[in-house]
Protein backbone atom coordinates (compact mmCIF):
# COMPACT_ATOMS: atom_id res chain seq x y z
CA MET A 1 -71.30 -34.04 5.89
CA SER A 2 -71.58 -32.36 9.21
CA ASP A 3 -72.62 -28.26 9.36
CA HIS A 4 -70.41 -27.91 12.23
CA TYR A 5 -68.53 -24.26 11.85
CA ASP A 6 -64.71 -24.47 11.61
CA PRO A 7 -62.55 -21.58 12.27
CA ASP A 8 -59.33 -22.89 10.78
CA ALA A 9 -61.17 -24.30 7.96
CA SER A 10 -62.28 -20.03 7.26
CA PHE A 11 -59.46 -18.59 8.63
CA PRO A 12 -56.14 -20.67 8.88
CA LEU A 13 -53.69 -18.77 10.86
CA PRO A 14 -50.60 -17.55 9.49
CA VAL A 15 -48.46 -20.38 10.34
CA SER A 16 -46.44 -21.84 8.18
CA ASN A 17 -45.30 -18.19 7.15
CA SER A 18 -44.51 -17.18 11.17
CA SER A 19 -42.18 -20.12 10.42
CA ALA A 20 -40.11 -19.52 7.86
CA SER A 21 -39.77 -16.22 9.38
CA ARG A 22 -38.33 -17.24 11.97
CA ARG A 23 -36.42 -20.30 9.49
CA ALA A 24 -34.69 -16.97 7.96
CA ALA A 25 -34.35 -15.24 11.27
CA ALA A 26 -32.65 -18.42 12.51
CA TRP A 27 -30.19 -18.68 9.34
CA VAL A 28 -29.25 -14.38 9.63
CA ILE A 29 -28.35 -15.26 13.17
CA GLY A 30 -26.15 -18.31 12.41
CA LEU A 31 -24.49 -16.93 9.00
CA SER A 32 -23.67 -13.23 10.91
CA TRP A 33 -21.83 -15.01 13.49
CA LEU A 34 -19.99 -16.80 10.87
CA ASN A 35 -19.64 -14.12 8.71
CA LEU A 36 -17.65 -12.02 11.83
CA ALA A 37 -15.63 -15.00 12.25
CA ALA A 38 -14.33 -15.33 9.31
CA LEU A 39 -13.84 -12.63 9.21
CA GLY A 40 -11.37 -12.78 12.48
CA VAL A 41 -9.61 -15.71 10.62
CA LEU A 42 -9.02 -13.85 7.45
CA CYS A 43 -7.54 -11.23 10.25
CA TRP A 44 -5.63 -13.15 11.43
CA LEU A 45 -3.89 -15.10 8.41
CA ILE A 46 -3.16 -11.92 6.72
CA PHE A 47 -1.94 -10.04 9.08
CA SER A 48 -0.01 -12.71 11.72
CA VAL A 49 0.52 -15.19 9.40
CA SER A 50 0.96 -13.50 6.34
CA GLU A 51 3.84 -15.50 4.14
CA SER A 52 4.42 -18.13 6.47
CA TRP A 53 1.33 -20.10 5.05
CA TRP A 54 0.90 -20.14 1.36
CA VAL A 55 -2.52 -20.13 1.63
CA SER A 56 -2.15 -16.80 3.82
CA ALA A 57 0.65 -15.45 1.32
CA VAL A 58 -2.34 -15.48 -1.40
CA LEU A 59 -4.12 -13.60 0.58
CA THR A 60 -1.70 -10.54 1.52
CA TYR A 61 -1.81 -10.27 -2.26
CA ALA A 62 -5.16 -10.62 -3.13
CA PRO A 63 -7.86 -7.86 -3.66
CA ARG A 64 -9.69 -7.38 0.00
CA ALA A 65 -12.35 -5.60 -1.43
CA PRO A 66 -15.36 -8.40 -2.67
CA LEU A 67 -15.00 -9.39 1.10
CA VAL A 68 -17.37 -6.68 1.79
CA ALA A 69 -20.20 -8.46 -0.33
CA PRO A 70 -20.87 -10.94 1.82
CA THR A 71 -21.54 -8.35 5.16
CA LEU A 72 -24.09 -6.64 3.60
CA GLY A 73 -26.02 -9.25 1.52
CA LEU A 74 -26.22 -9.74 5.31
CA LEU A 75 -26.95 -6.39 6.63
CA ALA A 76 -29.70 -6.20 4.37
CA ALA A 77 -30.98 -9.68 4.99
CA ALA A 78 -31.12 -8.88 8.87
CA CYS A 79 -32.88 -5.32 7.80
CA PHE A 80 -36.20 -7.71 6.63
CA TRP A 81 -35.63 -10.89 9.12
CA HIS A 82 -33.10 -10.19 12.65
CA ARG A 83 -32.60 -6.64 13.11
CA PRO A 84 -30.58 -7.53 16.02
CA SER A 85 -27.93 -9.25 13.66
CA LEU A 86 -27.53 -5.50 12.70
CA ALA A 87 -24.90 -5.18 14.97
CA VAL A 88 -23.36 -8.31 14.00
CA ASN A 89 -22.88 -7.33 11.26
CA ALA A 90 -21.89 -3.47 11.14
CA ALA A 91 -19.54 -4.87 13.15
CA SER A 92 -18.02 -6.89 10.43
CA LEU A 93 -18.61 -4.37 8.06
CA ILE A 94 -16.48 -1.97 10.04
CA MET A 95 -13.50 -5.04 10.36
CA VAL A 96 -13.69 -4.88 6.23
CA LEU A 97 -13.45 -1.32 5.50
CA GLY A 98 -10.81 -0.88 8.53
CA PRO A 99 -8.21 -3.43 8.99
CA LEU A 100 -9.32 -6.21 6.47
CA MET A 101 -8.71 -2.97 3.34
CA GLY A 102 -5.99 -1.55 4.61
CA LEU A 103 -7.75 2.08 6.05
CA SER A 104 -6.39 4.43 7.44
CA LEU A 105 -6.94 7.45 9.94
CA PRO A 106 -4.33 8.83 11.75
CA VAL A 107 -6.81 11.32 14.01
CA SER A 108 -3.36 12.60 15.55
CA ARG A 109 -1.91 14.50 12.54
CA LEU A 110 -5.20 15.20 11.37
CA ALA A 111 -5.22 18.63 13.31
CA GLY A 112 -0.95 18.78 12.44
CA SER A 113 -0.09 21.97 11.89
CA THR A 114 0.91 22.85 8.90
CA VAL A 115 3.65 25.84 9.53
CA VAL A 116 7.24 25.13 9.12
CA GLU A 117 9.05 26.14 12.28
CA PRO A 118 11.65 28.43 11.94
CA ASP A 119 14.01 25.62 13.18
CA GLN A 120 12.49 23.03 10.83
CA PHE A 121 13.60 21.81 7.51
CA GLU A 122 11.45 20.82 5.13
CA LEU A 123 11.78 18.76 1.58
CA LYS A 124 8.68 17.38 -0.72
CA LEU A 125 9.46 13.59 -2.63
CA VAL A 126 7.57 11.91 -4.91
CA SER A 127 7.87 8.09 -6.10
CA CYS A 128 5.95 6.38 -8.78
CA ASN A 129 7.04 3.39 -10.70
CA VAL A 130 6.62 4.65 -14.45
CA GLN A 131 6.30 1.67 -16.42
CA ALA A 132 8.90 2.59 -19.20
CA PHE A 133 7.25 5.81 -19.44
CA LYS A 134 3.23 4.51 -20.19
CA PRO A 135 0.64 3.91 -20.96
CA ASN A 136 1.30 8.28 -21.00
CA PHE A 137 4.12 9.79 -19.11
CA ALA A 138 2.82 13.47 -20.22
CA LYS A 139 -0.33 12.94 -16.92
CA VAL A 140 2.27 11.70 -14.86
CA LEU A 141 4.45 14.96 -15.19
CA ASP A 142 1.27 17.51 -15.03
CA GLU A 143 0.69 15.66 -11.38
CA ILE A 144 3.89 16.30 -10.46
CA ALA A 145 4.03 19.50 -11.70
CA VAL A 146 1.64 20.97 -9.49
CA ILE A 147 2.60 18.43 -6.29
CA GLN A 148 6.02 20.79 -6.81
CA PRO A 149 8.84 18.79 -4.60
CA ASP A 150 12.17 18.99 -4.53
CA VAL A 151 12.91 15.81 -4.64
CA ILE A 152 11.82 12.91 -7.40
CA ALA A 153 12.73 9.17 -7.70
CA LEU A 154 11.71 6.97 -10.55
CA GLN A 155 11.70 3.00 -10.80
CA GLU A 156 11.52 1.21 -14.20
CA ALA A 157 12.22 4.60 -15.91
CA PHE A 158 14.01 2.83 -19.39
CA PRO A 159 14.03 3.85 -21.69
CA LEU A 160 14.82 8.03 -20.78
CA SER A 161 12.40 9.59 -22.03
CA PRO A 162 12.98 12.97 -23.81
CA LEU A 163 9.91 14.28 -22.29
CA LEU A 164 11.69 13.95 -18.34
CA ALA A 165 15.00 14.96 -19.22
CA GLU A 166 13.86 17.82 -21.58
CA THR A 167 11.44 19.45 -17.94
CA TYR A 168 14.24 18.28 -15.03
CA ARG A 169 16.44 20.33 -17.55
CA ASP A 170 17.69 22.19 -14.38
CA TRP A 171 17.63 20.12 -11.55
CA HIS A 172 20.48 17.89 -10.50
CA THR A 173 19.86 14.60 -12.03
CA ILE A 174 21.26 9.98 -11.52
CA SER A 175 20.18 6.95 -13.11
CA HIS A 176 21.47 4.48 -13.47
CA ASP A 177 19.38 0.90 -15.26
CA ARG A 178 16.06 1.25 -14.64
CA TYR A 179 16.43 4.11 -11.54
CA TRP A 180 16.25 7.78 -12.17
CA VAL A 181 16.42 10.64 -9.13
CA GLY A 182 16.49 13.99 -9.60
CA SER A 183 17.02 16.79 -6.63
CA ARG A 184 16.79 20.85 -6.63
CA TRP A 185 19.72 20.12 -4.40
CA PRO A 186 23.50 18.27 -5.52
CA ILE A 187 22.93 14.87 -5.74
CA LYS A 188 26.14 12.11 -5.61
CA ARG A 189 25.42 8.01 -6.15
CA LEU A 190 26.15 5.87 -3.05
CA ALA A 191 25.62 2.64 -4.54
CA ASP A 192 23.14 0.33 -6.53
CA PHE A 193 21.88 -2.61 -5.48
CA GLU A 194 22.90 -6.13 -7.63
CA ILE A 195 20.57 -8.44 -6.74
CA PRO A 196 22.33 -12.42 -7.55
CA THR A 197 19.01 -14.13 -6.35
CA PHE A 198 17.35 -12.34 -8.94
CA GLU A 199 20.09 -11.12 -11.75
CA ARG A 200 19.30 -7.28 -11.64
CA SER A 201 19.44 -4.11 -9.88
CA ALA A 202 17.44 -3.38 -7.31
CA GLY A 203 17.73 -0.48 -6.44
CA LEU A 204 20.17 2.78 -6.47
CA VAL A 205 21.26 4.68 -2.97
CA VAL A 206 22.61 8.34 -3.63
CA GLU A 207 23.06 11.29 -1.09
CA ILE A 208 20.87 14.42 -1.65
CA GLU A 209 23.64 17.39 -0.44
CA THR A 210 20.39 19.84 1.38
CA PRO A 211 20.43 23.60 3.46
CA ARG A 212 19.76 20.48 6.54
CA GLY A 213 23.20 18.99 4.94
CA PRO A 214 23.39 15.43 3.93
CA VAL A 215 20.60 13.23 3.69
CA VAL A 216 20.93 9.89 1.95
CA LEU A 217 17.93 8.13 -0.45
CA ALA A 218 17.37 5.07 -1.39
CA ASP A 219 15.16 4.29 -4.75
CA ILE A 220 14.60 0.99 -4.71
CA HIS A 221 11.76 -1.32 -6.78
CA GLN A 222 11.73 -5.24 -5.48
CA MET A 223 10.83 -8.56 -7.09
CA THR A 224 6.86 -8.73 -7.05
CA ALA A 225 4.93 -11.36 -5.72
CA ARG A 226 3.40 -11.54 -8.21
CA ARG A 227 6.38 -14.28 -9.84
CA GLY A 228 5.35 -17.02 -7.14
CA LEU A 229 2.13 -16.43 -7.06
CA MET A 230 1.43 -17.26 -11.41
CA GLU A 231 3.72 -20.80 -10.27
CA LEU A 232 0.33 -21.74 -8.81
CA THR A 233 -1.89 -23.04 -11.74
CA LYS A 234 -4.54 -26.21 -11.36
CA ARG A 235 -2.27 -29.06 -11.75
CA SER A 236 1.13 -27.45 -10.20
CA PHE A 237 -1.35 -27.08 -7.18
CA PHE A 238 -2.98 -30.62 -6.97
CA ASP A 239 1.21 -31.95 -7.46
CA GLY A 240 2.49 -29.84 -5.19
CA ASP A 241 4.83 -28.51 -7.08
CA GLY A 242 3.38 -24.94 -7.09
CA THR A 243 2.86 -24.57 -3.40
CA GLU A 244 6.33 -25.26 -3.14
CA ARG A 245 7.69 -22.56 -5.88
CA LEU A 246 5.55 -20.04 -4.38
CA LYS A 247 7.20 -20.95 -0.75
CA GLU A 248 10.98 -20.18 -3.00
CA SER A 249 9.96 -16.94 -4.62
CA ILE A 250 9.15 -15.80 -0.90
CA SER A 251 12.22 -17.02 0.01
CA GLN A 252 13.95 -15.76 -2.95
CA ARG A 253 12.29 -11.85 -1.96
CA GLU A 254 13.37 -12.69 1.53
CA GLU A 255 16.74 -12.78 1.04
CA GLU A 256 16.34 -9.41 -1.63
CA SER A 257 15.31 -7.67 1.39
CA ILE A 258 17.83 -8.69 3.25
CA LEU A 259 20.33 -7.40 0.98
CA ILE A 260 19.31 -4.75 -0.05
CA ARG A 261 18.92 -3.56 3.63
CA GLU A 262 22.49 -4.55 4.57
CA GLN A 263 23.93 -2.11 1.64
CA VAL A 264 21.59 1.29 2.37
CA GLU A 265 23.05 0.11 6.43
CA THR A 266 26.12 0.15 4.65
CA VAL A 267 26.60 3.60 2.82
CA ARG A 268 24.25 5.76 5.23
CA GLY A 269 26.05 6.00 8.11
CA ASP A 270 24.36 8.28 10.63
CA LYS A 271 23.12 10.49 8.02
CA PRO A 272 19.30 11.10 7.94
CA LEU A 273 17.93 8.11 5.47
CA LEU A 274 14.78 7.97 3.63
CA LEU A 275 13.39 5.42 1.68
CA CYS A 276 10.78 5.18 -1.17
CA GLY A 277 9.97 2.82 -4.33
CA ASP A 278 8.11 -0.11 -6.01
CA PHE A 279 8.45 -2.05 -2.70
CA ASN A 280 5.76 -4.53 -4.31
CA THR A 281 4.39 -5.83 -1.03
CA PRO A 282 1.63 -4.50 1.28
CA VAL A 283 2.88 -3.52 4.85
CA SER A 284 1.43 -6.06 5.80
CA SER A 285 4.20 -8.77 4.84
CA GLN A 286 5.99 -10.24 7.36
CA VAL A 287 8.28 -10.46 4.51
CA PHE A 288 7.86 -6.64 4.93
CA GLN A 289 7.25 -6.34 8.21
CA ARG A 290 11.61 -7.92 9.61
CA HIS A 291 12.97 -6.08 7.19
CA TRP A 292 11.15 -2.94 6.62
CA GLY A 293 9.33 -2.36 9.72
CA ASP A 294 11.19 -0.64 11.79
CA PHE A 295 10.96 2.80 10.17
CA GLN A 296 8.50 5.75 9.57
CA SER A 297 5.75 4.74 6.62
CA ALA A 298 4.59 7.96 5.78
CA PHE A 299 1.22 6.99 4.39
CA ASP A 300 1.17 4.73 7.80
CA LEU A 301 1.60 8.06 9.74
CA ALA A 302 -0.15 10.75 8.22
CA GLY A 303 -2.19 9.04 4.58
CA ILE A 304 -6.06 9.54 4.70
CA GLY A 305 -7.60 6.50 3.30
CA TYR A 306 -7.52 2.98 1.35
CA GLY A 307 -3.82 4.48 -0.97
CA TYR A 308 -3.75 1.98 -2.90
CA THR A 309 -1.77 2.35 -6.13
CA SER A 310 -1.34 -0.71 -7.85
CA PRO A 311 -2.33 -2.34 -10.03
CA CYS A 312 -4.20 0.79 -12.34
CA LYS A 313 -4.50 -2.07 -15.66
CA ALA A 314 -6.94 -3.90 -16.07
CA ASN A 315 -6.98 -7.12 -16.59
CA ARG A 316 -9.89 -10.21 -17.09
CA PHE A 317 -10.80 -10.21 -12.74
CA TRP A 318 -10.58 -6.20 -12.32
CA PRO A 319 -11.60 -3.68 -14.46
CA GLU A 320 -9.11 -0.40 -15.19
CA ASN A 321 -7.87 2.57 -13.14
CA LEU A 322 -8.98 1.08 -9.91
CA PRO A 323 -6.03 -0.03 -8.09
CA TRP A 324 -6.30 -2.53 -4.75
CA ALA A 325 -3.32 -3.26 -3.41
CA ARG A 326 -1.43 -0.49 -1.50
CA ILE A 327 2.40 -2.25 -2.63
CA ASP A 328 5.14 1.38 -2.99
CA HIS A 329 6.24 2.57 0.29
CA ILE A 330 7.79 5.85 1.07
CA LEU A 331 9.50 5.46 4.30
CA CYS A 332 11.93 6.57 6.52
CA SER A 333 14.37 7.74 10.20
CA PRO A 334 12.92 8.36 12.47
CA GLU A 335 14.72 12.13 12.62
CA TRP A 336 12.00 13.00 10.68
CA ASN A 337 8.27 14.44 10.98
CA VAL A 338 5.93 13.12 8.51
CA ALA A 339 2.93 16.11 7.34
CA SER A 340 1.54 14.76 5.17
CA CYS A 341 1.51 12.25 2.65
CA GLN A 342 -0.68 11.45 -0.24
CA ILE A 343 -1.26 9.09 -3.50
CA GLY A 344 -1.46 10.61 -6.57
CA LYS A 345 -4.50 10.14 -9.54
CA SER A 346 -2.55 10.63 -12.63
CA ALA A 347 -3.91 6.88 -14.51
CA GLY A 348 -0.26 7.84 -16.82
CA SER A 349 0.95 4.61 -15.41
CA ASP A 350 0.43 1.14 -13.77
CA HIS A 351 1.10 2.53 -10.53
CA ARG A 352 -0.06 5.37 -8.86
CA LEU A 353 2.60 8.12 -7.78
CA ILE A 354 3.20 8.54 -3.10
CA THR A 355 4.68 11.85 -2.26
CA ALA A 356 5.22 12.82 1.07
CA THR A 357 5.72 16.32 3.04
CA LEU A 358 8.79 15.09 5.57
CA ARG A 359 10.93 17.94 8.17
CA LEU A 360 13.68 17.90 9.37
CA SER A 361 15.02 20.47 12.64
CA LEU A 362 17.71 22.39 11.52
CA PRO A 363 21.34 22.54 13.23
CA SER A 364 21.95 25.42 15.83
CA ALA A 365 24.35 25.97 13.72
CA LEU A 366 23.08 27.57 11.35
CA SER A 367 22.13 31.89 10.95
CA GLU A 368 18.74 32.61 10.75
CA ASP A 369 19.37 33.25 6.61
CA GLU A 370 20.52 30.30 6.05
CA ALA A 371 17.84 28.53 7.44
CA LEU A 372 14.80 30.57 5.58
CA THR A 373 16.56 29.84 2.54
CA GLY A 374 16.13 25.68 3.17
CA LEU A 375 12.55 27.08 3.84
CA ARG A 376 9.88 26.92 0.96
């Protein structure tokens, strides 16, 4: 045996630890860039491809909050093994929490005036899919009472609730099929949307005689995308039948949008227009953009946050009262100025209500007394 002293035998250098750290750092770098690239592809699929391909159609209607999980994990890993990768993962986090999840931050509106000018008329509108007044319509009514709207448009309002009739017994109201519109001012029915594709009524159009003059409002409920998405079972996916039926469903829903838009334009004339209801599609959808994208979206212009409205009911994949899609909208023609827009908090329906305050310039022919009558 040699008596020679070997320093490495007694005090080995941490070669293995250093090597493991370098490997971990390499994984963090690679996965961070891969995650950022994947999120970029998802943005392209959701916002550009959308419902023209069945994969991106599924992504359009799927919850997007889970997409943040990989980024949060990589942020934590970067803190330990490769801090320069924090910047890459911060960019990924912004991408998920921002455009992918539909964050609205209309900076130009944050400093907007809350004062109604003397030459403006203000209208406050509430829209809600009340899901046959279940599970607790009284909660919805309590929330509406706090808002104090001028016009209310409901979808899935069947059979008519005695509570609704009692609460708004002094209002002007119209109901047809599954739609109900109430107004502080006189209203008359102009048309309803009978859609042969789905053999159902898709909405109601009314004219409201406001102090500003007649305004047209369309109370809309389009067919749910869930109908086509549910065709994608394991069996139908592999034999191709499910994807074909999904494509057919998308085509039918697009046809429905075309018919509704045509009927709205036919009865509207040149009057200021409001459209509201359960469109059953987010604004990122190509179907929505092709047929409704030229209107002003109240939440995109004046809402802050994500504005998710549905679903509020729990299912086996998602907890109760935590909506993850913004499919209920208030839209308006260019004559309107959107002052504010909020989403409700009540779980009295499977949908949260949406409310917007809109302003319209008064015609110069109105006297000052008449103008003040129309303002609150």
